[in-house]
Amino acid sequence: MQNVDIKNLQVCLNKLISTTDPSKSQQTVTQLNGFTKLFTRFSQNKTSVIDWNKIEKLPEEAVKDYDCLDSPTNCTVHQMLNKLVIVKLNGGLGTSMGCSGPKSMIIVKDGKNFLELTLEQIDNLNKAYKVDVPLVLMNSFNTDTETENILNKKGISNVHTFNQSCYPRISKETLMPVAEVGNVEESMESWYPPGHGDFYESFKNSGLLEKFIKEGKTYCYVSNIDNLGATVDFKILNFLLNPNQPRHFHEFVMEVTEKTKADIKGGTLINYEGKINLLELAQVPDDHINDFKSIKMFKYFNTNNIWVKLDSIDRNMKQDLLELEIIVNHKSLKNGRKVIQLETAIGAGMKYFENSIGINVPRSRFLPVKKSSDLVLIMSNVYNLNNGSLVMSPKRMFPNTPLIMLGDKHFKNVSDCLSRFSSIPDFLELDTLTVCGDIIFGKNVSLKGIVIILANGTDQINIPDGSVIENTIVSGNLTMIDL
């Protein structure tokens, strides 16, 4: 990497600070100090790529089986919930799915979006157990305004919000900020939120960490707002907080689940230099990428459902210990200019907390919506809504969820994808669906077993209303081949 003039970088940052809204200048200074520390590490070639030969076998106690956890008694649930804070990561946009606004505003089920379903979950939890578990939303400058508008419109005042940091994108060529001197709002494409690893610093800077510790809260449960499977789990809560069972405090718990071929790029747990670490794809040497993706070599992957002890976050922040691995994300601006943004992941903090472990949870706790195919599955009859939470339909005879793969060309964008379904098909008996090409689904279609639908070139396939397709390949000329 080319040499970086840190002094010149600081001059550029100071110019940006000088043009900031005076009411936000101190906040901007704090954030850019965080950026400077991150960028300085990057400029010193402190690579996050690991030495593959230092990976050792995970100790058996590193990952606890969810089925071995005890369920709490009703009388202790109330007590334990009063020690909990729920945090939802709400900083992302839906641009990868062709949506223009916050991802949490995408309609998911029964006309409700992610944010509305999350609010419903927490409201029902608090009413059922007569508690007041706080909900905290970590927004970004991309999502803050629309989120606050929704909360105000619904008259919701008991939800805490804070923004993650706002860092300047860096020119790939000069390694200097591409932001022009002027108000941040005038050139937002030049700025970015630096990943969910920024949670620790932004949570502390918001004052909420100190507030909740003073109120006697013990743990926060952090998860992505687009993962509707990430509900408060009483068995995990009991494992962490039950005062009647002997234990040593686990300051950090990561929910992991068993890897499938759909999860080969997900972060996994490793034993590295005597500590349990999260290994992300970006940290893997090029000649070991296939090893990282191996289901046999790495059994688990990270769901990004994290339980962290609040006072341990405070301790690590005060001692400036959380030096999270840097993820270098390459982007292109609308004008074609190549930029880089430096990000971090929340799970990378695992090695800095005492007695960190993973818990191997059921797949039902990992239901993210990263692609339109995920959204189609959740909208289908495979799942029902129960008080804002997704539960698998009792009519499905298999414990696993169907694997749905829809071609990017015609199904990537949410609006394009949903326009191709007159109604979402019946997936109750579906194992795998592969769709490639220009396909239109009629109403009340039922798909069972393994179904492959391929339209070649300019061909279009229209699946008639009421069709039942089972263990079949449908080709471009509407020929059906039984599997």
Protein backbone atom coordinates (compact mmCIF):
# COMPACT_ATOMS: atom_id res chain seq x y z
CA MET A 1 0.00 0.00 0.00
CA GLN A 2 1.23 3.50 -0.78
CA ASN A 3 2.52 5.76 1.99
CA VAL A 4 -0.10 7.89 3.69
CA ASP A 5 0.48 11.39 4.97
CA ILE A 6 -1.47 11.24 8.25
CA LYS A 7 -0.80 14.92 8.94
CA ASN A 8 -2.32 15.91 5.58
CA LEU A 9 -5.26 13.63 6.31
CA GLN A 10 -5.81 15.41 9.62
CA VAL A 11 -5.72 18.79 7.85
CA CYS A 12 -8.46 17.59 5.48
CA LEU A 13 -10.54 16.30 8.38
CA ASN A 14 -10.15 19.56 10.29
CA LYS A 15 -11.47 21.46 7.26
CA LEU A 16 -14.51 19.21 7.20
CA ILE A 17 -15.08 19.77 10.92
CA SER A 18 -14.85 23.55 10.46
CA THR A 19 -17.84 23.52 8.12
CA THR A 20 -20.02 21.30 10.31
CA ASP A 21 -23.21 22.55 11.94
CA PRO A 22 -21.92 24.07 15.23
CA SER A 23 -24.52 22.14 17.22
CA LYS A 24 -23.01 18.90 15.88
CA SER A 25 -19.34 19.88 15.81
CA GLN A 26 -18.32 18.02 18.99
CA GLN A 27 -20.09 14.88 17.81
CA THR A 28 -18.31 15.17 14.46
CA VAL A 29 -14.92 15.61 16.18
CA THR A 30 -15.53 12.49 18.27
CA GLN A 31 -16.53 10.45 15.23
CA LEU A 32 -13.61 11.61 13.09
CA ASN A 33 -11.20 10.84 15.93
CA GLY A 34 -12.54 7.28 15.76
CA PHE A 35 -12.04 7.28 11.99
CA THR A 36 -8.47 8.58 12.34
CA LYS A 37 -7.59 5.73 14.72
CA LEU A 38 -9.08 3.18 12.34
CA PHE A 39 -7.39 4.68 9.30
CA THR A 40 -4.02 4.93 11.06
CA ARG A 41 -4.11 1.20 11.75
CA PHE A 42 -5.03 0.59 8.11
CA SER A 43 -2.19 2.83 6.86
CA GLN A 44 0.29 0.90 8.98
CA ASN A 45 -0.58 -2.27 7.05
CA LYS A 46 -2.09 -3.87 10.13
CA THR A 47 -3.71 -6.50 7.98
CA SER A 48 -6.61 -8.56 9.24
CA VAL A 49 -5.53 -11.60 7.20
CA ILE A 50 -4.69 -14.38 9.62
CA ASP A 51 -1.87 -16.93 9.70
CA TRP A 52 -3.77 -20.06 8.68
CA ASN A 53 -1.24 -22.33 10.37
CA LYS A 54 -2.09 -20.83 13.77
CA ILE A 55 -5.70 -22.07 13.68
CA GLU A 56 -6.24 -24.81 16.25
CA LYS A 57 -9.17 -27.12 16.92
CA LEU A 58 -12.04 -25.51 18.83
CA PRO A 59 -12.27 -26.78 22.41
CA GLU A 60 -15.49 -28.71 23.08
CA GLU A 61 -16.60 -26.11 25.61
CA ALA A 62 -16.25 -23.30 23.02
CA VAL A 63 -19.71 -24.01 21.60
CA LYS A 64 -22.57 -25.06 23.85
CA ASP A 65 -25.53 -26.98 22.46
CA TYR A 66 -28.80 -25.11 22.76
CA ASP A 67 -30.70 -28.32 23.58
CA CYS A 68 -28.60 -28.73 26.73
CA LEU A 69 -29.76 -25.40 28.17
CA ASP A 70 -32.36 -25.42 30.92
CA SER A 71 -35.65 -23.58 30.64
CA PRO A 72 -36.37 -21.04 33.39
CA THR A 73 -39.35 -21.11 35.70
CA ASN A 74 -42.03 -18.48 35.16
CA CYS A 75 -41.15 -16.79 38.42
CA THR A 76 -37.56 -16.13 37.28
CA VAL A 77 -38.39 -14.88 33.77
CA HIS A 78 -39.73 -11.57 35.06
CA GLN A 79 -36.63 -11.07 37.20
CA MET A 80 -34.24 -11.85 34.34
CA LEU A 81 -36.04 -9.71 31.76
CA ASN A 82 -35.57 -6.71 34.04
CA LYS A 83 -31.81 -7.15 33.52
CA LEU A 84 -32.01 -7.08 29.71
CA VAL A 85 -31.71 -4.44 26.97
CA ILE A 86 -32.66 -5.28 23.37
CA VAL A 87 -30.67 -3.62 20.59
CA LYS A 88 -31.59 -3.84 16.91
CA LEU A 89 -29.06 -2.89 14.24
CA ASN A 90 -31.09 -0.58 11.99
CA GLY A 91 -28.49 1.23 9.91
CA GLY A 92 -28.82 -0.57 6.60
CA LEU A 93 -30.50 0.40 3.35
CA GLY A 94 -32.35 -1.94 1.04
CA THR A 95 -30.28 -0.94 -2.00
CA SER A 96 -28.99 -4.49 -2.61
CA MET A 97 -32.63 -5.52 -3.11
CA GLY A 98 -33.50 -2.54 -5.29
CA CYS A 99 -35.19 -0.54 -2.50
CA SER A 100 -34.43 3.14 -1.93
CA GLY A 101 -35.06 3.60 1.80
CA PRO A 102 -34.15 1.89 5.08
CA LYS A 103 -34.26 -1.88 4.89
CA SER A 104 -36.44 -1.96 7.99
CA MET A 105 -39.25 -0.29 5.98
CA ILE A 106 -39.62 -3.23 3.55
CA ILE A 107 -43.02 -4.89 3.89
CA VAL A 108 -42.45 -8.43 5.11
CA LYS A 109 -45.66 -10.11 6.24
CA ASP A 110 -49.33 -9.18 6.61
CA GLY A 111 -48.61 -5.63 5.40
CA LYS A 112 -46.07 -4.97 8.18
CA ASN A 113 -42.42 -4.02 7.82
CA PHE A 114 -39.41 -5.13 9.90
CA LEU A 115 -39.65 -2.17 12.27
CA GLU A 116 -43.36 -2.65 12.91
CA LEU A 117 -42.90 -6.36 13.58
CA THR A 118 -40.01 -5.62 15.96
CA LEU A 119 -42.12 -3.11 17.88
CA GLU A 120 -44.92 -5.68 18.07
CA GLN A 121 -42.53 -8.33 19.41
CA ILE A 122 -41.24 -6.10 22.22
CA ASP A 123 -44.69 -4.76 23.10
CA ASN A 124 -46.09 -8.27 23.47
CA LEU A 125 -43.07 -9.41 25.51
CA ASN A 126 -43.46 -6.53 27.95
CA LYS A 127 -47.21 -6.99 28.31
CA ALA A 128 -47.01 -10.76 28.74
CA TYR A 129 -44.44 -10.58 31.55
CA LYS A 130 -45.35 -7.17 32.98
CA VAL A 131 -41.89 -5.76 32.42
CA ASP A 132 -40.40 -2.82 30.54
CA VAL A 133 -37.51 -4.24 28.52
CA PRO A 134 -36.06 -1.27 26.61
CA LEU A 135 -35.74 -1.42 22.83
CA VAL A 136 -32.78 0.42 21.35
CA LEU A 137 -32.33 1.09 17.64
CA MET A 138 -28.87 1.76 16.27
CA ASN A 139 -29.62 3.87 13.21
CA SER A 140 -27.32 5.44 10.65
CA PHE A 141 -27.56 8.80 8.91
CA ASN A 142 -29.25 6.82 6.13
CA THR A 143 -32.07 5.51 8.31
CA ASP A 144 -32.43 7.92 11.23
CA THR A 145 -34.94 10.39 9.78
CA GLU A 146 -37.38 7.83 8.36
CA THR A 147 -37.17 5.71 11.50
CA GLU A 148 -37.93 8.67 13.75
CA ASN A 149 -40.83 9.67 11.47
CA ILE A 150 -42.38 6.21 11.84
CA LEU A 151 -41.95 6.24 15.62
CA ASN A 152 -43.47 9.73 15.87
CA LYS A 153 -46.33 8.85 13.55
CA LYS A 154 -47.20 5.86 15.71
CA GLY A 155 -46.83 7.90 18.89
CA ILE A 156 -44.08 5.62 20.23
CA SER A 157 -41.91 7.37 22.78
CA ASN A 158 -40.38 4.49 24.77
CA VAL A 159 -37.88 3.43 22.10
CA HIS A 160 -34.30 4.65 22.44
CA THR A 161 -32.33 5.52 19.32
CA PHE A 162 -28.77 6.51 18.58
CA ASN A 163 -26.76 6.86 15.39
CA GLN A 164 -23.67 4.93 14.49
CA SER A 165 -20.70 6.97 13.32
CA CYS A 166 -20.46 8.80 10.01
CA TYR A 167 -17.03 8.33 8.39
CA PRO A 168 -15.61 9.87 5.17
CA ARG A 169 -15.01 7.61 2.20
CA ILE A 170 -11.41 7.60 1.00
CA SER A 171 -10.19 7.86 -2.57
CA LYS A 172 -8.61 4.58 -3.63
CA GLU A 173 -6.04 6.59 -5.61
CA THR A 174 -5.00 9.28 -3.12
CA LEU A 175 -6.13 7.73 0.18
CA MET A 176 -7.60 11.10 1.14
CA PRO A 177 -11.25 11.93 1.90
CA VAL A 178 -13.40 12.46 -1.20
CA ALA A 179 -15.83 14.66 0.75
CA GLU A 180 -15.76 18.29 -0.30
CA VAL A 181 -15.57 21.05 2.29
CA GLY A 182 -19.16 21.93 3.10
CA ASN A 183 -22.14 20.67 4.99
CA VAL A 184 -22.19 16.87 5.34
CA GLU A 185 -25.78 16.70 4.12
CA GLU A 186 -24.77 18.26 0.79
CA SER A 187 -22.48 15.38 -0.17
CA MET A 188 -23.78 12.28 1.61
CA GLU A 189 -22.40 9.92 -1.01
CA SER A 190 -18.95 10.80 0.31
CA TRP A 191 -19.78 9.41 3.75
CA TYR A 192 -20.67 6.00 5.12
CA PRO A 193 -21.62 4.18 8.35
CA PRO A 194 -18.63 1.97 9.29
CA GLY A 195 -20.33 -1.39 9.93
CA HIS A 196 -21.95 -2.80 13.05
CA GLY A 197 -18.59 -3.13 14.84
CA ASP A 198 -19.07 0.59 15.50
CA PHE A 199 -21.83 -0.40 17.96
CA TYR A 200 -19.51 -0.46 20.96
CA GLU A 201 -18.16 3.07 20.53
CA SER A 202 -21.39 4.69 19.38
CA PHE A 203 -23.42 3.02 22.15
CA LYS A 204 -21.01 4.35 24.75
CA ASN A 205 -20.85 7.85 23.18
CA SER A 206 -24.65 8.04 23.13
CA GLY A 207 -24.77 7.85 26.93
CA LEU A 208 -27.14 4.87 26.81
CA LEU A 209 -24.51 2.37 28.01
CA GLU A 210 -23.92 4.36 31.19
CA LYS A 211 -27.66 4.93 31.64
CA PHE A 212 -28.56 1.23 31.48
CA ILE A 213 -25.72 0.18 33.78
CA LYS A 214 -26.93 2.71 36.37
CA GLU A 215 -30.46 1.29 36.01
CA GLY A 216 -29.18 -2.18 36.92
CA LYS A 217 -29.30 -3.74 33.47
CA THR A 218 -26.79 -6.55 32.95
CA TYR A 219 -26.87 -7.76 29.34
CA CYS A 220 -27.79 -6.39 25.95
CA TYR A 221 -29.06 -8.65 23.19
CA VAL A 222 -27.96 -7.33 19.79
CA SER A 223 -29.27 -8.55 16.43
CA ASN A 224 -30.00 -7.37 12.89
CA ILE A 225 -33.45 -5.88 12.47
CA ASP A 226 -33.98 -7.93 9.30
CA ASN A 227 -33.60 -11.21 11.23
CA LEU A 228 -37.10 -11.95 12.51
CA GLY A 229 -35.87 -15.17 14.09
CA ALA A 230 -33.78 -13.19 16.57
CA THR A 231 -36.27 -13.03 19.43
CA VAL A 232 -35.51 -12.98 23.15
CA ASP A 233 -34.75 -16.59 24.08
CA PHE A 234 -35.51 -17.55 27.66
CA LYS A 235 -33.17 -20.57 27.71
CA ILE A 236 -30.19 -18.42 26.73
CA LEU A 237 -31.29 -15.71 29.16
CA ASN A 238 -31.55 -18.33 31.90
CA PHE A 239 -28.08 -19.62 31.04
CA LEU A 240 -26.68 -16.11 31.46
CA LEU A 241 -28.66 -14.75 34.37
CA ASN A 242 -30.32 -17.43 36.51
CA PRO A 243 -29.21 -16.54 40.06
CA ASN A 244 -30.04 -20.05 41.29
CA GLN A 245 -27.49 -21.92 39.18
CA PRO A 246 -23.74 -21.83 39.74
CA ARG A 247 -21.83 -20.33 36.81
CA HIS A 248 -19.11 -17.94 35.87
CA PHE A 249 -20.24 -14.97 33.87
CA HIS A 250 -19.96 -15.30 30.11
CA GLU A 251 -19.34 -11.73 29.04
CA PHE A 252 -19.99 -12.48 25.38
CA VAL A 253 -22.21 -15.11 23.75
CA MET A 254 -22.51 -15.52 20.00
CA GLU A 255 -25.41 -17.53 18.60
CA VAL A 256 -24.10 -19.81 15.88
CA THR A 257 -25.89 -22.41 13.82
CA GLU A 258 -24.77 -25.29 11.65
CA LYS A 259 -23.42 -24.39 8.23
CA THR A 260 -25.15 -25.39 5.01
CA LYS A 261 -24.09 -24.81 1.41
CA ALA A 262 -26.06 -21.56 1.52
CA ASP A 263 -23.85 -20.23 4.35
CA ILE A 264 -20.33 -20.84 3.04
CA LYS A 265 -19.42 -17.14 3.13
CA GLY A 266 -20.62 -16.59 6.71
CA GLY A 267 -18.19 -15.91 9.55
CA THR A 268 -17.20 -18.87 11.69
CA LEU A 269 -15.57 -19.53 15.07
CA ILE A 270 -11.93 -20.53 15.37
CA ASN A 271 -9.38 -21.13 18.11
CA TYR A 272 -6.63 -18.65 17.33
CA GLU A 273 -3.68 -17.81 19.54
CA GLY A 274 -5.44 -19.28 22.55
CA LYS A 275 -8.68 -17.30 22.12
CA ILE A 276 -12.05 -18.01 20.56
CA ASN A 277 -12.24 -15.69 17.56
CA LEU A 278 -14.66 -14.86 14.78
CA LEU A 279 -13.13 -15.53 11.36
CA GLU A 280 -14.62 -13.59 8.45
CA LEU A 281 -14.05 -14.29 4.76
CA ALA A 282 -12.06 -11.04 4.39
CA GLN A 283 -9.47 -12.37 6.88
CA VAL A 284 -8.81 -15.61 4.99
CA PRO A 285 -5.62 -15.97 2.88
CA ASP A 286 -6.45 -16.39 -0.80
CA ASP A 287 -5.08 -19.93 -0.94
CA HIS A 288 -7.43 -21.07 1.87
CA ILE A 289 -10.74 -19.64 0.63
CA ASN A 290 -12.04 -23.10 -0.25
CA ASP A 291 -11.01 -24.39 3.18
CA PHE A 292 -12.98 -21.57 4.82
CA LYS A 293 -16.07 -22.47 2.77
CA SER A 294 -15.82 -26.16 3.70
CA ILE A 295 -18.76 -27.43 5.72
CA LYS A 296 -16.63 -30.29 7.04
CA MET A 297 -13.79 -28.08 8.24
CA PHE A 298 -15.97 -25.36 9.80
CA LYS A 299 -19.24 -26.64 11.23
CA TYR A 300 -20.77 -23.38 12.48
CA PHE A 301 -21.38 -19.87 11.23
CA ASN A 302 -22.23 -16.62 12.99
CA THR A 303 -25.91 -15.54 13.04
CA ASN A 304 -24.92 -12.08 14.34
CA ASN A 305 -27.21 -12.59 17.34
CA ILE A 306 -24.97 -11.39 20.17
CA TRP A 307 -25.42 -11.26 23.95
CA VAL A 308 -22.92 -8.94 25.69
CA LYS A 309 -22.48 -7.96 29.32
CA LEU A 310 -22.88 -4.19 29.63
CA ASP A 311 -20.22 -3.49 32.25
CA SER A 312 -17.70 -5.49 30.20
CA ILE A 313 -18.36 -3.23 27.20
CA ASP A 314 -17.74 -0.25 29.47
CA ARG A 315 -14.50 -1.75 30.77
CA ASN A 316 -13.16 -2.54 27.32
CA MET A 317 -14.05 0.90 26.00
CA LYS A 318 -12.42 2.71 28.93
CA GLN A 319 -9.25 0.65 28.46
CA ASP A 320 -9.36 1.16 24.68
CA LEU A 321 -9.01 -2.58 24.10
CA LEU A 322 -11.45 -3.18 21.23
CA GLU A 323 -9.09 -3.14 18.27
CA LEU A 324 -11.44 -4.86 15.83
CA GLU A 325 -10.20 -6.35 12.56
CA ILE A 326 -10.56 -3.95 9.64
CA ILE A 327 -12.76 -4.92 6.72
CA VAL A 328 -11.82 -3.00 3.56
CA ASN A 329 -14.89 -2.46 1.40
CA HIS A 330 -14.34 -1.24 -2.17
CA LYS A 331 -17.06 0.93 -3.72
CA SER A 332 -17.68 3.06 -6.81
CA LEU A 333 -19.41 6.44 -6.53
CA LYS A 334 -22.05 7.58 -9.02
CA ASN A 335 -19.38 9.57 -10.86
CA GLY A 336 -17.32 6.40 -11.26
CA ARG A 337 -14.70 7.37 -8.72
CA LYS A 338 -13.20 4.38 -6.86
CA VAL A 339 -13.31 4.66 -3.08
CA ILE A 340 -12.68 2.51 -0.05
CA GLN A 341 -14.49 2.41 3.25
CA LEU A 342 -13.09 0.84 6.41
CA GLU A 343 -15.54 -1.20 8.43
CA THR A 344 -15.61 -3.49 11.46
CA ALA A 345 -17.91 -6.28 12.67
CA ILE A 346 -19.49 -6.55 16.12
CA GLY A 347 -18.61 -10.24 16.43
CA ALA A 348 -14.91 -9.46 16.09
CA GLY A 349 -15.01 -8.11 19.64
CA MET A 350 -15.47 -11.64 20.97
CA LYS A 351 -11.82 -12.21 21.84
CA TYR A 352 -11.71 -9.18 24.15
CA PHE A 353 -14.41 -10.45 26.51
CA GLU A 354 -13.99 -12.98 29.31
CA ASN A 355 -15.42 -16.51 28.95
CA SER A 356 -16.74 -15.86 25.45
CA ILE A 357 -18.57 -18.81 23.92
CA GLY A 358 -20.88 -19.75 21.10
CA ILE A 359 -24.28 -21.40 21.48
CA ASN A 360 -25.38 -23.68 18.64
CA VAL A 361 -28.98 -22.55 18.17
CA PRO A 362 -31.76 -23.93 15.94
CA ARG A 363 -31.84 -22.62 12.39
CA SER A 364 -35.19 -20.99 13.21
CA ARG A 365 -33.25 -18.25 15.02
CA PHE A 366 -31.58 -17.20 11.77
CA LEU A 367 -34.14 -15.85 9.29
CA PRO A 368 -32.45 -12.86 7.65
CA VAL A 369 -33.68 -11.16 4.51
CA LYS A 370 -30.62 -10.45 2.37
CA LYS A 371 -32.15 -11.25 -1.02
CA SER A 372 -35.56 -11.16 -2.64
CA SER A 373 -35.62 -14.96 -2.42
CA ASP A 374 -35.45 -14.68 1.40
CA LEU A 375 -38.38 -12.28 1.34
CA VAL A 376 -40.47 -14.60 -0.85
CA LEU A 377 -39.85 -17.46 1.58
CA ILE A 378 -40.89 -15.42 4.61
CA MET A 379 -44.00 -14.15 2.82
CA SER A 380 -45.00 -17.73 1.98
CA ASN A 381 -47.17 -20.16 3.94
CA VAL A 382 -44.05 -21.79 5.41
CA TYR A 383 -44.21 -19.14 8.15
CA ASN A 384 -46.98 -17.70 10.28
CA LEU A 385 -46.87 -14.57 12.42
CA ASN A 386 -47.28 -14.84 16.16
CA ASN A 387 -47.12 -11.54 18.08
CA GLY A 388 -44.65 -10.12 15.58
CA SER A 389 -42.49 -13.25 15.48
CA LEU A 390 -42.15 -15.73 12.65
CA VAL A 391 -42.98 -19.35 13.47
CA MET A 392 -42.87 -22.26 11.06
CA SER A 393 -46.29 -23.49 10.02
CA PRO A 394 -47.35 -26.68 11.84
CA LYS A 395 -48.54 -27.89 8.43
CA ARG A 396 -44.95 -28.23 7.20
CA MET A 397 -43.81 -31.78 7.82
CA PHE A 398 -40.06 -31.07 7.64
CA PRO A 399 -37.98 -29.23 10.26
CA ASN A 400 -35.75 -27.52 7.67
CA THR A 401 -36.73 -24.53 5.56
CA PRO A 402 -36.90 -24.73 1.76
CA LEU A 403 -33.87 -23.49 -0.18
CA ILE A 404 -35.01 -20.92 -2.74
CA MET A 405 -32.68 -19.60 -5.45
CA LEU A 406 -34.05 -16.97 -7.83
CA GLY A 407 -32.00 -15.59 -10.73
CA ASP A 408 -30.65 -12.08 -10.18
CA LYS A 409 -31.47 -10.79 -13.66
CA HIS A 410 -35.25 -11.00 -13.22
CA PHE A 411 -35.74 -11.40 -9.45
CA LYS A 412 -33.04 -9.30 -7.69
CA ASN A 413 -35.13 -6.18 -7.08
CA VAL A 414 -38.03 -6.61 -4.67
CA SER A 415 -40.57 -4.86 -6.90
CA ASP A 416 -39.53 -6.85 -10.00
CA CYS A 417 -39.52 -10.08 -8.03
CA LEU A 418 -42.96 -9.68 -6.45
CA SER A 419 -44.48 -8.57 -9.77
CA ARG A 420 -43.68 -12.06 -11.09
CA PHE A 421 -45.89 -13.76 -8.51
CA SER A 422 -49.67 -13.39 -8.85
CA SER A 423 -49.60 -14.94 -5.40
CA ILE A 424 -46.74 -16.49 -3.44
CA PRO A 425 -46.74 -20.25 -4.18
CA ASP A 426 -47.48 -22.96 -1.64
CA PHE A 427 -44.04 -24.03 -0.34
CA LEU A 428 -45.20 -26.35 2.45
CA GLU A 429 -43.80 -29.48 0.77
CA LEU A 430 -40.94 -27.79 -1.09
CA ASP A 431 -37.31 -28.85 -0.61
CA THR A 432 -35.50 -26.74 -3.22
CA LEU A 433 -36.63 -24.22 -5.83
CA THR A 434 -34.25 -23.00 -8.54
CA VAL A 435 -35.56 -20.35 -10.95
CA CYS A 436 -33.52 -18.86 -13.78
CA GLY A 437 -34.82 -16.66 -16.57
CA ASP A 438 -38.03 -14.87 -17.43
CA ILE A 439 -40.59 -16.73 -15.31
CA ILE A 440 -44.12 -15.63 -14.35
CA PHE A 441 -46.06 -17.49 -11.64
CA GLY A 442 -49.85 -17.65 -11.72
CA LYS A 443 -52.17 -17.76 -8.70
CA ASN A 444 -52.40 -20.67 -6.26
CA VAL A 445 -49.33 -22.51 -7.59
CA SER A 446 -48.04 -25.38 -5.43
CA LEU A 447 -44.38 -26.46 -5.55
CA LYS A 448 -43.22 -29.71 -3.96
CA GLY A 449 -39.93 -31.55 -3.59
CA ILE A 450 -37.14 -30.38 -5.90
CA VAL A 451 -38.33 -27.95 -8.58
CA ILE A 452 -36.13 -26.38 -11.28
CA ILE A 453 -37.57 -23.84 -13.72
CA LEU A 454 -35.31 -22.63 -16.53
CA ALA A 455 -36.16 -20.19 -19.32
CA ASN A 456 -33.41 -19.86 -21.90
CA GLY A 457 -32.54 -16.68 -23.79
CA THR A 458 -35.64 -14.69 -24.70
CA ASP A 459 -38.05 -17.49 -23.71
CA GLN A 460 -40.69 -16.72 -21.12
CA ILE A 461 -42.37 -19.36 -19.01
CA ASN A 462 -45.80 -18.66 -17.53
CA ILE A 463 -46.75 -21.10 -14.78
CA PRO A 464 -50.56 -21.46 -15.06
CA ASP A 465 -52.91 -20.71 -12.16
CA GLY A 466 -53.41 -23.69 -9.87
CA SER A 467 -50.38 -25.62 -11.15
CA VAL A 468 -48.92 -28.35 -8.93
CA ILE A 469 -45.26 -29.00 -9.78
CA GLU A 470 -43.46 -31.77 -7.91
CA ASN A 471 -39.89 -33.06 -8.41
CA THR A 472 -39.80 -31.61 -11.90
CA ILE A 473 -37.59 -29.65 -14.28
CA VAL A 474 -39.54 -27.11 -16.34
CA SER A 475 -37.52 -26.05 -19.39
CA GLY A 476 -37.82 -23.15 -21.86
CA ASN A 477 -40.28 -24.96 -24.07
CA LEU A 478 -42.51 -25.89 -21.13
CA THR A 479 -41.34 -29.48 -21.26
CA MET A 480 -41.64 -31.05 -17.82
CA ILE A 481 -39.11 -33.69 -16.82
CA ASP A 482 -39.76 -35.70 -13.68
CA LEU A 483 -36.78 -35.97 -11.32
